[in-house]
């Protein structure tokens, strides 16, 4: 089966190493890979011989996100419900990882974007390297940061999550460590030795053993001088505002008072994104701050179904055309301006689709015998 060659499995004692194996596609997650990962993670959780699961990517990327081309093709052909099934399985995988009773170590060496964050950030240990590039670029695609991002972005320091989610800003490994998206930073040249030591994990206390090994390899780099993480005061002032319009307005005011290329670049990123995406993203992160990970995923599933159905806006198809397919990077958003995206329009994305025959809310699998650290996420 293709899914078996796209997710390589290595057994070593009580450790299972899973390698995403679509390097030419930067390990973008196709449906087969998602169902295979879900099958493996559930099987390992029931297998008393398995104590630790390592997830990594082949080539230059960990995972560049979900493979959206088939989803866009289905939408254009009037079969958006197939896309809904894809996202249902993906969000279920994210939930299983977020509530996993065993240890997941994600080695995020290279590109980690969108769906790639969904299969790594929810796990217990998350390793960044000097090659790591993280981003949630969905607002540029006419989507919104999903895969449980409204849960993990909303829990970053201050309003850094709003900044990352709205702008699609890229973070390096040091920035991921500083803000908490990564738990450890390990130089890429040390990863082979790290994996070898992790495979010696004992069955008596795998959490302590893994943590001890990771700490022995970990370094603590500081974010670079021009890092956005040094701008938390500006981010706090601007991205704490109630609306996207207010966020942009105060950023522009800051730029006038003290010209700053970082602020100008932030404003440009916001102005090139889908206005609809920006508004539903801001509300999603704000709601996520008060919700458990399961509630976030159920809400995000409602949102993504509305986005794919396209009755309120067809920005997903247009954004993917401009960025992924034609690559002209000149999307024609509809509505084209923030003020045309009303509160009532935004409200619709958060409602059940009861008028859609046969549609149901995301049904997440029951989780039992969870440790207290996982129960706290619910």
Protein backbone atom coordinates (compact mmCIF):
# COMPACT_ATOMS: atom_id res chain seq x y z
CA UNK A 1 0.00 0.00 0.00
CA UNK A 2 1.14 3.56 -0.76
CA UNK A 3 0.43 4.68 2.80
CA UNK A 4 2.95 2.12 4.09
CA UNK A 5 5.75 3.50 1.91
CA UNK A 6 4.73 7.08 2.78
CA UNK A 7 5.02 6.38 6.52
CA UNK A 8 8.08 4.23 7.29
CA UNK A 9 8.07 2.22 10.52
CA UNK A 10 11.14 1.14 12.49
CA UNK A 11 10.85 -1.11 15.57
CA UNK A 12 13.58 -0.98 18.21
CA UNK A 13 12.82 -2.63 21.53
CA UNK A 14 10.03 -0.55 23.12
CA UNK A 15 10.47 2.38 20.68
CA UNK A 16 8.66 2.91 17.36
CA UNK A 17 10.11 5.44 14.92
CA UNK A 18 7.75 6.75 12.23
CA UNK A 19 9.22 8.64 9.28
CA UNK A 20 7.07 10.72 6.93
CA UNK A 21 8.31 9.74 3.49
CA UNK A 22 7.14 12.13 0.77
CA UNK A 23 10.31 14.24 0.56
CA UNK A 24 9.54 15.64 -2.92
CA UNK A 25 6.27 17.00 -1.52
CA UNK A 26 8.02 18.17 1.68
CA UNK A 27 6.16 15.37 3.46
CA UNK A 28 2.78 17.05 2.94
CA UNK A 29 0.10 14.87 4.52
CA UNK A 30 -2.13 13.06 2.08
CA UNK A 31 -5.24 11.23 3.30
CA UNK A 32 -3.49 7.84 3.23
CA UNK A 33 -0.72 9.12 5.50
CA UNK A 34 -3.22 10.56 7.98
CA UNK A 35 -5.21 7.32 8.24
CA UNK A 36 -1.98 5.30 8.51
CA UNK A 37 -0.64 7.50 11.33
CA UNK A 38 -3.96 7.29 13.16
CA UNK A 39 -3.98 3.50 12.83
CA UNK A 40 -0.41 3.22 14.12
CA UNK A 41 -0.82 5.61 17.05
CA UNK A 42 -3.98 3.85 18.24
CA UNK A 43 -2.35 0.42 17.88
CA UNK A 44 0.77 1.49 19.80
CA UNK A 45 -1.33 2.91 22.61
CA UNK A 46 -2.90 -0.54 23.13
CA UNK A 47 0.41 -2.40 22.77
CA UNK A 48 2.11 -2.82 26.18
CA UNK A 49 5.44 -3.41 24.44
CA UNK A 50 5.52 0.16 23.06
CA UNK A 51 6.51 3.00 25.40
CA UNK A 52 7.81 5.70 23.06
CA UNK A 53 6.90 6.93 19.56
CA UNK A 54 9.36 9.10 17.60
CA UNK A 55 7.97 11.04 14.62
CA UNK A 56 10.25 12.65 12.03
CA UNK A 57 10.40 13.56 8.35
CA UNK A 58 12.53 12.37 5.44
CA UNK A 59 14.54 15.04 3.64
CA UNK A 60 14.55 18.80 4.21
CA UNK A 61 11.11 19.06 5.79
CA UNK A 62 9.41 17.59 8.82
CA UNK A 63 6.01 18.26 7.26
CA UNK A 64 4.90 21.24 5.18
CA UNK A 65 1.21 20.74 6.02
CA UNK A 66 -1.80 18.95 4.63
CA UNK A 67 -1.90 18.16 0.91
CA UNK A 68 -4.62 20.63 -0.12
CA UNK A 69 -4.62 20.02 -3.88
CA UNK A 70 -7.03 17.05 -3.79
CA UNK A 71 -9.30 18.95 -1.39
CA UNK A 72 -9.41 21.97 -3.72
CA UNK A 73 -10.13 19.68 -6.68
CA UNK A 74 -13.06 18.12 -4.81
CA UNK A 75 -14.46 21.54 -3.86
CA UNK A 76 -14.26 22.79 -7.44
CA UNK A 77 -16.07 19.63 -8.57
CA UNK A 78 -18.84 20.26 -6.04
CA UNK A 79 -17.72 17.47 -3.70
CA UNK A 80 -16.64 19.47 -0.65
CA UNK A 81 -17.95 16.73 1.64
CA UNK A 82 -14.97 14.58 0.62
CA UNK A 83 -12.75 17.37 1.92
CA UNK A 84 -14.77 17.33 5.15
CA UNK A 85 -13.93 13.64 5.57
CA UNK A 86 -10.23 14.42 5.07
CA UNK A 87 -10.31 17.09 7.78
CA UNK A 88 -12.36 14.87 10.09
CA UNK A 89 -9.64 12.20 10.01
CA UNK A 90 -6.88 14.79 10.34
CA UNK A 91 -8.46 16.45 13.39
CA UNK A 92 -9.10 13.04 14.95
CA UNK A 93 -5.38 12.27 14.58
CA UNK A 94 -4.54 15.63 16.17
CA UNK A 95 -6.83 14.81 19.11
CA UNK A 96 -5.32 11.36 19.64
CA UNK A 97 -1.85 12.92 19.67
CA UNK A 98 -2.93 15.69 22.05
CA UNK A 99 -4.39 13.13 24.47
CA UNK A 100 -1.80 10.40 23.94
CA UNK A 101 -1.08 8.36 27.05
CA UNK A 102 2.39 7.35 25.84
CA UNK A 103 5.39 9.48 24.92
CA UNK A 104 5.50 11.15 21.51
CA UNK A 105 8.75 12.85 20.51
CA UNK A 106 8.52 14.97 17.36
CA UNK A 107 11.81 15.82 15.66
CA UNK A 108 10.95 19.02 13.79
CA UNK A 109 14.09 19.27 11.67
CA UNK A 110 13.18 21.48 8.69
CA UNK A 111 9.85 22.94 7.59
CA UNK A 112 6.92 22.63 10.02
CA UNK A 113 3.79 24.30 8.70
CA UNK A 114 0.03 23.96 9.04
CA UNK A 115 -0.87 20.30 9.33
CA UNK A 116 2.76 19.57 10.20
CA UNK A 117 2.26 21.56 13.39
CA UNK A 118 -0.87 19.54 14.10
CA UNK A 119 1.05 16.26 14.22
CA UNK A 120 3.92 17.62 16.33
CA UNK A 121 2.98 20.50 18.64
CA UNK A 122 0.33 18.48 20.49
CA UNK A 123 2.89 15.83 21.50
CA UNK A 124 4.79 15.56 24.80
CA UNK A 125 8.30 16.45 23.54
CA UNK A 126 8.98 18.68 20.54
CA UNK A 127 12.54 19.07 19.26
CA UNK A 128 13.55 22.06 17.14
CA UNK A 129 16.90 22.49 15.39
CA UNK A 130 18.79 25.26 13.61
CA UNK A 131 17.04 24.09 10.41
CA UNK A 132 13.51 24.38 11.77
CA UNK A 133 11.13 26.82 10.06
CA UNK A 134 7.68 27.02 11.65
CA UNK A 135 4.64 28.87 10.32
CA UNK A 136 0.85 28.78 10.24
CA UNK A 137 0.35 30.45 6.82
CA UNK A 138 -3.37 29.71 6.43
CA UNK A 139 -4.69 33.28 6.27
CA UNK A 140 -2.69 33.75 3.04
CA UNK A 141 -4.52 30.70 1.64
CA UNK A 142 -8.03 31.78 2.55
CA UNK A 143 -8.20 29.31 5.43
CA UNK A 144 -7.43 29.74 9.17
CA UNK A 145 -4.92 28.10 11.52
CA UNK A 146 -6.62 24.78 12.26
CA UNK A 147 -5.42 21.30 13.42
CA UNK A 148 -5.97 22.49 17.00
CA UNK A 149 -3.97 25.70 16.49
CA UNK A 150 -6.64 27.73 18.29
CA UNK A 151 -5.65 25.66 21.34
CA UNK A 152 -1.85 25.86 21.15
CA UNK A 153 -1.51 29.37 19.69
CA UNK A 154 -3.83 30.83 22.33
CA UNK A 155 -1.56 29.45 25.05
CA UNK A 156 1.63 31.17 23.85
CA UNK A 157 2.93 34.09 25.94
CA UNK A 158 0.76 37.22 25.82
CA UNK A 159 -0.72 37.73 22.37
CA UNK A 160 2.14 36.11 20.47
CA UNK A 161 -0.30 33.46 19.22
CA UNK A 162 -2.50 36.10 17.58
CA UNK A 163 0.60 37.53 15.89
CA UNK A 164 1.75 34.14 14.58
CA UNK A 165 -1.73 33.03 13.50
CA UNK A 166 -2.82 36.23 11.77
CA UNK A 167 0.42 37.11 9.96
CA UNK A 168 1.74 33.63 9.09
CA UNK A 169 5.10 34.79 10.51
CA UNK A 170 7.95 32.30 10.25
CA UNK A 171 9.73 31.27 13.43
CA UNK A 172 13.09 29.56 13.73
CA UNK A 173 14.05 26.90 16.27
CA UNK A 174 15.29 29.36 18.89
CA UNK A 175 12.03 31.33 18.70
CA UNK A 176 9.99 28.13 18.97
CA UNK A 177 11.90 27.20 22.10
CA UNK A 178 11.49 30.68 23.59
CA UNK A 179 7.72 30.81 23.10
CA UNK A 180 7.08 27.18 24.10
CA UNK A 181 6.17 25.63 20.75
CA UNK A 182 9.30 23.50 21.13
CA UNK A 183 10.33 21.83 24.39
CA UNK A 184 13.98 21.28 23.37
CA UNK A 185 16.54 22.60 20.89
CA UNK A 186 19.07 20.09 19.58
CA UNK A 187 21.61 20.76 16.78
CA UNK A 188 20.74 18.71 13.69
CA UNK A 189 24.20 17.10 13.69
CA UNK A 190 23.34 15.50 17.05
CA UNK A 191 19.99 13.99 16.05
CA UNK A 192 21.33 10.58 14.99
CA UNK A 193 23.09 10.11 18.32
CA UNK A 194 20.02 11.38 20.18
CA UNK A 195 17.76 8.86 18.46
CA UNK A 196 20.19 6.04 19.24
CA UNK A 197 20.16 6.96 22.93
CA UNK A 198 16.39 7.31 23.01
CA UNK A 199 16.09 3.77 21.66
CA UNK A 200 17.80 2.55 24.84
CA UNK A 201 14.87 3.80 26.92
CA UNK A 202 13.91 1.51 29.78
CA UNK A 203 10.35 0.31 30.36
CA UNK A 204 10.23 1.22 34.06
CA UNK A 205 10.06 5.03 33.75
CA UNK A 206 10.18 6.06 30.08
CA UNK A 207 9.08 9.66 30.74
CA UNK A 208 11.96 10.44 33.11
CA UNK A 209 14.44 8.52 30.94
CA UNK A 210 13.41 10.37 27.78
CA UNK A 211 13.46 13.73 29.51
CA UNK A 212 16.92 13.08 30.95
CA UNK A 213 18.34 12.15 27.55
CA UNK A 214 16.73 15.11 25.81
CA UNK A 215 18.06 17.49 28.45
CA UNK A 216 21.57 16.08 27.98
CA UNK A 217 21.47 16.93 24.25
CA UNK A 218 19.57 20.20 24.52
CA UNK A 219 21.01 23.64 23.93
CA UNK A 220 19.46 26.99 24.84
CA UNK A 221 20.01 29.45 21.98
CA UNK A 222 18.65 32.98 22.32
CA UNK A 223 16.41 34.42 19.59
CA UNK A 224 18.31 36.54 17.08
CA UNK A 225 18.55 40.29 17.52
CA UNK A 226 15.75 41.05 15.03
CA UNK A 227 13.44 38.30 16.28
CA UNK A 228 9.76 39.11 16.70
CA UNK A 229 10.07 37.55 20.14
CA UNK A 230 11.96 40.65 21.24
CA UNK A 231 8.89 42.70 20.23
CA UNK A 232 6.49 41.21 22.73
CA UNK A 233 5.73 44.69 24.10
CA UNK A 234 4.61 45.92 20.66
CA UNK A 235 2.75 42.67 20.00
CA UNK A 236 1.00 43.04 23.35
CA UNK A 237 -0.10 46.61 22.56
CA UNK A 238 -1.30 45.82 19.05
CA UNK A 239 -2.50 42.23 18.90
CA UNK A 240 -4.48 42.47 22.13
CA UNK A 241 -7.00 44.71 20.34
CA UNK A 242 -10.57 43.54 19.87
CA UNK A 243 -10.73 43.65 16.07
CA UNK A 244 -8.39 43.11 13.13
CA UNK A 245 -9.06 46.68 11.99
CA UNK A 246 -7.88 48.00 15.37
CA UNK A 247 -4.78 45.79 15.27
CA UNK A 248 -3.75 47.17 11.87
CA UNK A 249 -4.61 50.75 12.87
CA UNK A 250 -2.43 50.73 15.98
CA UNK A 251 0.42 49.01 14.11
CA UNK A 252 0.30 51.78 11.49
CA UNK A 253 0.29 54.39 14.26
CA UNK A 254 3.36 52.75 15.84
CA UNK A 255 5.12 52.81 12.44
CA UNK A 256 4.46 56.54 12.05
CA UNK A 257 5.76 57.33 15.53
CA UNK A 258 8.88 55.24 15.06
CA UNK A 259 9.60 53.87 11.55
CA UNK A 260 10.34 50.17 11.86
CA UNK A 261 10.73 47.57 9.10
CA UNK A 262 9.40 44.76 11.29
CA UNK A 263 6.15 46.66 11.93
CA UNK A 264 5.86 47.56 8.22
CA UNK A 265 6.36 43.92 7.22
CA UNK A 266 3.72 42.85 9.76
CA UNK A 267 1.20 45.32 8.32
CA UNK A 268 1.97 44.12 4.78
CA UNK A 269 1.41 40.50 5.81
CA UNK A 270 -1.98 41.35 7.32
CA UNK A 271 -3.07 43.40 4.29
CA UNK A 272 -2.26 40.65 1.78
CA UNK A 273 -4.20 37.99 3.73
CA UNK A 274 -7.85 37.10 3.18
CA UNK A 275 -10.00 39.56 5.17
CA UNK A 276 -12.45 36.79 6.00
CA UNK A 277 -9.64 34.50 7.14
CA UNK A 278 -8.21 37.20 9.39
CA UNK A 279 -11.51 37.80 11.14
CA UNK A 280 -12.41 34.17 11.75
CA UNK A 281 -8.81 33.45 12.84
CA UNK A 282 -8.82 36.16 15.48
CA UNK A 283 -12.11 34.95 16.91
CA UNK A 284 -10.99 31.32 16.78
CA UNK A 285 -7.82 31.99 18.80
CA UNK A 286 -9.73 34.11 21.30
CA UNK A 287 -12.34 31.37 21.81
CA UNK A 288 -9.60 28.72 21.99
CA UNK A 289 -8.09 30.43 25.02
CA UNK A 290 -11.08 29.30 27.09
CA UNK A 291 -11.59 25.85 25.54
CA UNK A 292 -10.05 22.40 25.83
CA UNK A 293 -8.30 20.85 22.85
CA UNK A 294 -11.31 18.70 21.94
CA UNK A 295 -13.66 21.68 21.95
CA UNK A 296 -11.21 23.59 19.76
CA UNK A 297 -11.07 20.81 17.17
CA UNK A 298 -14.87 20.39 17.09
CA UNK A 299 -15.27 24.13 16.52
CA UNK A 300 -12.51 24.21 13.90
CA UNK A 301 -14.26 21.37 12.06
CA UNK A 302 -17.44 23.46 11.85
CA UNK A 303 -15.39 26.36 10.58
CA UNK A 304 -13.51 24.37 7.92
CA UNK A 305 -16.76 22.87 6.63
CA UNK A 306 -18.21 26.36 6.13
CA UNK A 307 -14.97 27.43 4.42
CA UNK A 308 -15.09 24.45 2.02
CA UNK A 309 -18.81 24.73 1.28
CA UNK A 310 -18.04 28.26 0.07
CA UNK A 311 -21.45 29.84 0.58
CA UNK A 312 -20.04 32.68 2.67
CA UNK A 313 -16.74 33.11 0.79
CA UNK A 314 -14.75 31.17 -1.79
CA UNK A 315 -11.42 32.50 -0.55
CA UNK A 316 -9.94 29.02 0.10
CA UNK A 317 -10.16 28.05 -3.58
CA UNK A 318 -8.87 31.46 -4.66
CA UNK A 319 -6.05 31.54 -2.13
CA UNK A 320 -4.82 28.06 -3.05
CA UNK A 321 -5.04 28.99 -6.74
CA UNK A 322 -2.87 32.07 -6.16
CA UNK A 323 -0.30 30.50 -3.83
CA UNK A 324 -0.22 26.75 -4.55
CA UNK A 325 -1.52 26.16 -8.09
CA UNK A 326 -0.91 29.18 -10.38
CA UNK A 327 1.57 30.75 -7.93
CA UNK A 328 0.90 34.29 -9.17
CA UNK A 329 0.39 35.38 -5.55
CA UNK A 330 -2.35 37.79 -6.63
CA UNK A 331 -5.52 36.51 -4.97
CA UNK A 332 -8.80 38.31 -5.53
CA UNK A 333 -10.45 38.05 -2.14
CA UNK A 334 -14.20 38.28 -1.79
CA UNK A 335 -15.14 40.29 0.20
CA UNK A 336 -11.98 42.29 -0.60
CA UNK A 337 -11.97 44.59 2.45
CA UNK A 338 -12.09 43.96 6.19
CA UNK A 339 -15.01 46.33 6.79
CA UNK A 340 -17.11 44.27 4.37
CA UNK A 341 -16.72 41.15 6.53
CA UNK A 342 -19.48 41.77 9.08
CA UNK A 343 -19.81 40.29 12.56
CA UNK A 344 -22.86 38.39 11.33
CA UNK A 345 -20.82 36.81 8.52
CA UNK A 346 -18.13 35.77 11.01
CA UNK A 347 -20.79 34.29 13.31
CA UNK A 348 -21.93 31.91 10.57
CA UNK A 349 -18.56 30.13 10.49
CA UNK A 350 -18.97 29.09 14.12
CA UNK A 351 -22.43 27.56 13.77
CA UNK A 352 -23.41 23.96 13.18
CA UNK A 353 -24.36 23.09 9.59
CA UNK A 354 -27.74 21.66 10.52
CA UNK A 355 -29.21 22.62 7.16
CA UNK A 356 -26.71 20.32 5.43
CA UNK A 357 -28.28 16.86 5.11
CA UNK A 358 -26.27 14.13 6.83
CA UNK A 359 -23.71 16.56 8.27
CA UNK A 360 -22.61 15.92 11.84
CA UNK A 361 -20.26 17.60 14.28
CA UNK A 362 -16.81 16.06 14.60
CA UNK A 363 -17.08 12.95 16.79
CA UNK A 364 -13.84 12.46 18.68
CA UNK A 365 -12.91 8.98 19.99
CA UNK A 366 -13.31 8.33 23.73
CA UNK A 367 -10.05 8.49 25.67
CA UNK A 368 -9.53 6.41 28.82
CA UNK A 369 -6.86 5.95 31.50
CA UNK A 370 -5.28 9.32 30.77
CA UNK A 371 -2.61 10.84 33.04
CA UNK A 372 -3.50 14.07 34.88
CA UNK A 373 -1.26 16.13 32.56
CA UNK A 374 -3.45 15.09 29.60
CA UNK A 375 -6.75 15.47 31.43
CA UNK A 376 -5.80 19.12 32.06
CA UNK A 377 -5.87 19.70 28.27
CA UNK A 378 -9.47 18.51 27.99
